[in-house]
Protein backbone atom coordinates (compact mmCIF):
# COMPACT_ATOMS: atom_id res chain seq x y z
CA MET A 1 -18.04 -2.77 19.11
CA ARG A 2 -17.00 0.85 19.10
CA PHE A 3 -13.69 2.05 17.79
CA PRO A 4 -11.22 2.44 20.64
CA SER A 5 -10.22 5.78 19.17
CA ASP A 6 -11.50 7.89 16.30
CA PRO A 7 -9.44 7.12 13.16
CA ARG A 8 -9.64 10.82 12.37
CA VAL A 9 -7.54 11.81 15.40
CA ILE A 10 -4.48 12.16 13.16
CA SER A 11 -4.31 13.95 9.85
CA PRO A 12 -3.76 11.58 6.91
CA ARG A 13 -0.46 12.04 5.18
CA ARG A 14 -0.48 11.84 1.40
CA ARG A 15 3.13 10.65 1.20
CA LEU A 16 2.09 7.58 3.20
CA SER A 17 -1.05 7.01 1.10
CA GLN A 18 -3.10 7.06 4.29
CA ASN A 19 -6.79 6.34 3.84
CA PHE A 20 -8.04 5.20 7.23
CA LEU A 21 -10.82 2.63 7.40
CA VAL A 22 -13.74 4.15 9.36
CA ASN A 23 -16.50 1.62 8.68
CA PRO A 24 -16.69 -0.87 11.57
CA THR A 25 -18.84 -3.32 9.61
CA ILE A 26 -16.22 -3.58 6.87
CA ALA A 27 -13.49 -3.95 9.49
CA ALA A 28 -15.37 -6.83 11.11
CA ARG A 29 -15.84 -8.56 7.74
CA ILE A 30 -12.14 -8.31 6.96
CA ALA A 31 -11.21 -9.75 10.36
CA ALA A 32 -13.62 -12.63 9.84
CA ALA A 33 -12.09 -13.30 6.41
CA VAL A 34 -8.75 -14.07 8.06
CA GLU A 35 -10.38 -17.32 9.27
CA ALA A 36 -8.03 -17.41 12.25
CA GLN A 37 -7.77 -20.55 14.31
CA PRO A 38 -6.79 -20.93 17.99
CA GLY A 39 -3.05 -20.48 18.37
CA ASP A 40 -2.58 -18.58 15.09
CA VAL A 41 -0.36 -15.54 14.70
CA VAL A 42 -1.91 -12.74 12.65
CA ILE A 43 0.21 -10.00 11.10
CA GLU A 44 -1.55 -6.73 10.34
CA ILE A 45 0.17 -4.52 7.78
CA GLY A 46 -0.63 -0.83 8.24
CA ALA A 47 -2.55 -0.92 11.50
CA GLY A 48 -3.29 2.80 11.53
CA THR A 49 -5.11 3.78 14.71
CA GLY A 50 -6.69 0.36 15.22
CA ALA A 51 -9.96 0.19 13.27
CA LEU A 52 -9.18 -3.34 12.13
CA THR A 53 -6.83 -4.22 14.98
CA GLN A 54 -9.61 -4.28 17.57
CA HIS A 55 -11.52 -6.90 15.59
CA LEU A 56 -8.40 -9.00 15.15
CA LEU A 57 -7.82 -8.94 18.89
CA ALA A 58 -11.27 -10.46 19.36
CA LEU A 59 -10.18 -13.54 17.41
CA PRO A 60 -8.93 -16.68 19.23
CA VAL A 61 -5.31 -16.06 18.25
CA GLN A 62 -2.01 -16.41 20.01
CA GLU A 63 -0.74 -13.01 18.90
CA VAL A 64 -1.56 -10.05 16.67
CA ILE A 65 1.52 -8.31 15.29
CA ALA A 66 0.50 -4.80 14.23
CA ILE A 67 3.01 -3.18 11.88
CA GLU A 68 2.78 0.59 11.46
CA VAL A 69 5.27 3.18 10.22
CA ASP A 70 3.57 6.38 11.45
CA ARG A 71 4.68 7.34 14.95
CA ARG A 72 1.42 9.26 15.54
CA ALA A 73 -0.63 6.15 14.79
CA ILE A 74 1.67 4.07 16.99
CA GLU A 75 0.91 6.34 19.93
CA GLN A 76 -2.82 5.92 19.35
CA LEU A 77 -2.45 2.13 19.19
CA GLN A 78 -0.49 2.12 22.43
CA LYS A 79 -3.17 4.19 24.17
CA ALA A 80 -6.09 2.18 22.84
CA PHE A 81 -4.70 -1.30 23.44
CA SER A 82 -2.32 -0.92 26.39
CA SER A 83 -4.11 -3.70 28.26
CA CYS A 84 -4.08 -6.26 25.41
CA PRO A 85 -1.45 -8.95 26.11
CA THR A 86 -1.85 -10.59 22.70
CA LEU A 87 -0.90 -7.43 20.77
CA ARG A 88 2.65 -6.72 19.65
CA ILE A 89 3.16 -3.33 17.97
CA VAL A 90 6.07 -3.02 15.56
CA GLU A 91 7.05 0.44 14.38
CA ALA A 92 8.61 -0.06 10.95
CA ASN A 93 8.19 0.06 7.21
CA VAL A 94 7.05 -3.50 6.50
CA LEU A 95 9.39 -3.72 3.50
CA ASP A 96 12.35 -3.32 5.87
CA LEU A 97 11.32 -6.40 7.86
CA ARG A 98 11.61 -10.15 7.33
CA LEU A 99 9.10 -12.64 8.69
CA GLU A 100 11.77 -14.65 10.46
CA GLY A 101 12.73 -11.46 12.28
CA LEU A 102 9.19 -11.38 13.65
CA GLY A 103 9.48 -14.98 14.80
CA ILE A 104 7.46 -16.41 11.90
CA VAL A 105 8.80 -19.69 10.52
CA ARG A 106 7.62 -22.25 7.98
CA THR A 107 6.66 -24.81 10.61
CA MET A 108 4.26 -22.30 12.19
CA PRO A 109 2.91 -20.21 9.30
CA ALA A 110 1.13 -16.95 10.02
CA ARG A 111 -1.87 -15.19 8.54
CA VAL A 112 -1.51 -11.70 7.07
CA VAL A 113 -4.16 -9.01 6.81
CA GLY A 114 -4.14 -5.32 6.04
CA ASN A 115 -5.41 -2.23 4.32
CA ILE A 116 -2.16 -1.58 2.50
CA PRO A 117 -1.00 1.74 1.00
CA TYR A 118 -1.98 1.95 -2.65
CA HIS A 119 1.42 3.17 -3.80
CA LEU A 120 3.14 0.17 -2.17
CA THR A 121 0.70 -2.54 -3.20
CA GLY A 122 3.03 -4.20 -5.72
CA PRO A 123 6.15 -4.17 -3.53
CA ILE A 124 4.21 -5.48 -0.51
CA LEU A 125 2.58 -8.28 -2.50
CA PHE A 126 5.91 -9.48 -3.86
CA TRP A 127 7.45 -9.10 -0.38
CA LEU A 128 4.78 -11.49 0.87
CA TYR A 129 5.07 -13.87 -2.08
CA GLU A 130 8.83 -14.17 -1.57
CA GLN A 131 8.19 -15.32 2.00
CA ALA A 132 4.97 -17.22 1.37
CA LYS A 133 6.39 -20.49 2.74
CA SER A 134 5.82 -18.98 6.16
CA LEU A 135 2.27 -17.85 5.41
CA ARG A 136 -1.02 -19.70 5.50
CA ARG A 137 -3.51 -17.08 4.28
CA ILE A 138 -3.26 -13.49 3.01
CA VAL A 139 -6.24 -11.12 3.21
CA LEU A 140 -5.63 -7.65 1.81
CA MET A 141 -7.66 -4.62 0.89
CA VAL A 142 -6.34 -3.16 -2.36
CA GLN A 143 -7.62 -1.13 -5.29
CA LYS A 144 -10.25 -3.15 -7.14
CA GLU A 145 -8.16 -2.91 -10.30
CA VAL A 146 -5.26 -4.61 -8.53
CA ALA A 147 -7.54 -7.24 -7.02
CA THR A 148 -8.77 -8.06 -10.51
CA ARG A 149 -5.18 -8.51 -11.69
CA ILE A 150 -4.37 -10.77 -8.74
CA VAL A 151 -7.14 -13.25 -9.61
CA ALA A 152 -7.09 -12.83 -13.42
CA ARG A 153 -7.12 -15.85 -15.72
CA PRO A 154 -5.19 -16.38 -18.98
CA GLY A 155 -6.68 -14.70 -22.01
CA THR A 156 -8.11 -11.75 -20.07
CA LYS A 157 -6.93 -8.15 -20.23
CA ALA A 158 -6.06 -8.11 -16.52
CA TYR A 159 -3.90 -11.25 -16.69
CA GLY A 160 -0.21 -10.49 -16.25
CA ILE A 161 2.89 -10.81 -14.11
CA LEU A 162 1.02 -10.36 -10.82
CA SER A 163 -1.55 -12.99 -11.80
CA VAL A 164 1.19 -15.52 -12.58
CA ALA A 165 3.09 -14.76 -9.39
CA THR A 166 -0.05 -15.24 -7.31
CA ALA A 167 -0.90 -18.54 -9.00
CA LEU A 168 2.57 -19.92 -8.32
CA ILE A 169 2.33 -19.51 -4.55
CA ALA A 170 -1.40 -20.03 -4.04
CA THR A 171 -3.91 -22.83 -4.16
CA GLN A 172 -6.65 -20.24 -4.56
CA ALA A 173 -7.05 -16.47 -4.88
CA ARG A 174 -10.42 -14.77 -4.97
CA ILE A 175 -12.10 -11.41 -4.47
CA LEU A 176 -14.32 -11.52 -1.39
CA PHE A 177 -16.15 -8.19 -1.61
CA ASP A 178 -15.84 -4.59 -2.80
CA VAL A 179 -15.33 -1.65 -0.45
CA PRO A 180 -16.75 1.76 -1.48
CA PRO A 181 -14.78 5.01 -1.07
CA GLY A 182 -17.13 6.09 1.73
CA ALA A 183 -15.65 3.45 4.04
CA PHE A 184 -12.44 5.51 4.33
CA TYR A 185 -11.21 8.82 5.65
CA PRO A 186 -10.30 10.61 3.50
CA GLN A 187 -12.29 9.02 0.71
CA PRO A 188 -10.13 7.67 -2.13
CA GLN A 189 -11.19 8.22 -5.72
CA VAL A 190 -11.35 4.50 -6.46
CA THR A 191 -13.27 1.47 -5.26
CA SER A 192 -11.31 -1.03 -3.19
CA ALA A 193 -11.71 -4.77 -2.84
CA VAL A 194 -10.75 -7.40 -0.30
CA VAL A 195 -8.87 -10.36 -1.76
CA ALA A 196 -8.05 -13.65 -0.04
CA ILE A 197 -5.06 -15.76 -1.06
CA GLU A 198 -4.54 -19.31 0.21
CA CYS A 199 -0.81 -20.07 0.25
CA ASN A 200 0.43 -23.46 -0.99
CA GLY A 201 3.67 -23.74 0.99
CA SER A 202 6.00 -22.46 -1.71
CA SER A 203 7.47 -19.02 -2.41
CA LEU A 204 8.78 -17.01 -5.34
CA VAL A 205 12.36 -17.55 -4.19
CA ASP A 206 12.07 -21.29 -4.84
CA PRO A 207 14.39 -21.98 -7.82
CA GLN A 208 11.66 -23.19 -10.18
CA HIS A 209 9.38 -20.25 -9.37
CA ALA A 210 12.28 -17.81 -9.69
CA GLN A 211 13.01 -19.21 -13.15
CA THR A 212 9.35 -18.96 -14.13
CA MET A 213 9.11 -15.36 -12.97
CA ALA A 214 12.30 -14.36 -14.80
CA LEU A 215 10.85 -15.68 -18.05
CA THR A 216 7.36 -14.32 -17.32
CA LYS A 217 8.61 -10.77 -16.81
CA VAL A 218 10.42 -10.80 -20.14
CA ALA A 219 7.45 -12.36 -21.94
CA PHE A 220 4.92 -9.86 -20.58
CA ASN A 221 7.11 -6.87 -21.36
CA GLN A 222 5.97 -7.47 -24.93
CA ARG A 223 2.72 -9.24 -24.22
CA ARG A 224 1.22 -8.67 -27.68
CA LYS A 225 4.12 -10.34 -29.47
CA LYS A 226 4.37 -14.07 -30.00
CA LEU A 227 6.78 -15.69 -27.59
CA ARG A 228 9.40 -16.58 -30.20
CA ASN A 229 9.75 -12.85 -30.86
CA ALA A 230 9.22 -11.56 -27.32
CA LEU A 231 11.78 -14.01 -25.90
CA ALA A 232 14.30 -14.08 -28.77
CA ARG A 233 16.98 -11.97 -27.12
CA PHE A 234 16.44 -13.65 -23.75
CA LEU A 235 16.84 -17.12 -25.26
CA GLN A 236 19.90 -16.15 -27.29
CA GLN A 237 21.53 -14.74 -24.17
CA HIS A 238 20.89 -17.76 -21.97
CA CYS A 239 20.80 -20.68 -24.39
CA GLY A 240 23.31 -19.73 -27.07
CA THR A 241 22.85 -21.58 -30.37
CA GLN A 242 20.33 -23.93 -28.79
CA TRP A 243 17.78 -21.14 -28.55
CA GLU A 244 16.55 -22.04 -32.04
CA GLN A 245 15.35 -25.42 -30.75
CA LEU A 246 13.25 -23.67 -28.14
CA ALA A 247 11.97 -21.10 -30.63
CA ALA A 248 10.63 -23.98 -32.74
CA LEU A 249 8.37 -25.29 -29.97
CA PRO A 250 4.61 -24.97 -30.74
CA VAL A 251 4.08 -22.90 -27.59
CA MET A 252 6.33 -20.20 -29.04
CA GLY A 253 3.63 -19.35 -31.56
CA ARG A 254 1.42 -18.10 -28.74
CA ARG A 255 1.46 -14.91 -26.68
CA ALA A 256 2.34 -14.69 -22.99
CA GLU A 257 -1.19 -13.60 -22.08
CA GLU A 258 -2.53 -16.86 -23.53
CA LEU A 259 -0.37 -19.18 -21.40
CA SER A 260 -1.40 -20.49 -18.01
CA PRO A 261 1.05 -20.22 -15.10
CA GLN A 262 1.63 -23.96 -15.44
CA GLU A 263 2.53 -23.57 -19.13
CA LEU A 264 4.88 -20.72 -18.35
CA ALA A 265 6.52 -22.84 -15.65
CA ALA A 266 6.95 -25.72 -18.10
CA LEU A 267 8.52 -23.40 -20.66
CA ALA A 268 10.86 -21.97 -18.03
CA SER A 269 11.90 -25.51 -17.15
CA ASP A 270 12.72 -26.18 -20.82
CA VAL A 271 14.78 -23.00 -21.04
CA TYR A 272 16.66 -23.87 -17.86
CA ARG A 273 17.35 -27.36 -19.21
CA PHE A 274 19.07 -25.86 -22.25
CA ALA A 275 20.75 -23.06 -20.33
CA LYS A 276 21.78 -25.27 -17.40
CA SER A 277 24.15 -23.44 -15.05
CA GLU A 278 24.32 -20.36 -17.27
CA TRP A 279 20.94 -19.13 -16.12
CA GLN A 280 20.78 -17.99 -12.52
CA PRO A 281 17.64 -15.88 -11.94
């Protein structure tokens, strides 16, 4: 397939972190990685001028919702795909939207795909994780460094808050393939990677996950310290005099980077049990 329009027809804007995908083979691989099924709704974040969109429209889906903030790119999408009944173009900053506002609900989860702006990678990931109950699969192209953090395991340098958050809402997260700078216009100075995340039906706003993330953020702010030291002030604040009982637990002699997401969740549950109604993440 040929691109419906040259991605270079508009000048990339640095403030939007625009690096347009210009390699059709990579675009086709990303679309295939969505693993769309008949009747699915696919949300594309950062559609640009349609390099990936055209491949998504070839999938057996009910609808492709292309979200784009740049009015110039919107006009190119409208010209290129005016005859496509399964395409809905939404002009907006994705962070200003909610999935339910797009008609996406938990009983009919959607699939998300996109080449997201590097400077918004973190906010967009957590935006998705907070609504992950309504998502089935997430396929994103991000900096390889970020992809490594998404899939990192305990005890590794890359393991951190993002790794824990991903594990809480996913049954699996893995890097599918790398994407060289030459696949973009203009070429970024870093290698990118495509990561696939299988959602498990929960989200970070679920009370237990919210508690786990509150504790995880505090613990990783001082990741080299043992937990009894890294969490001392946090435990004193939320558990009063009972914090000493928690500080005596064997797990408190370890560092945050050594604990699995499941262990962090169990510790958060213990803290909440002592804090009871005092702790509201």
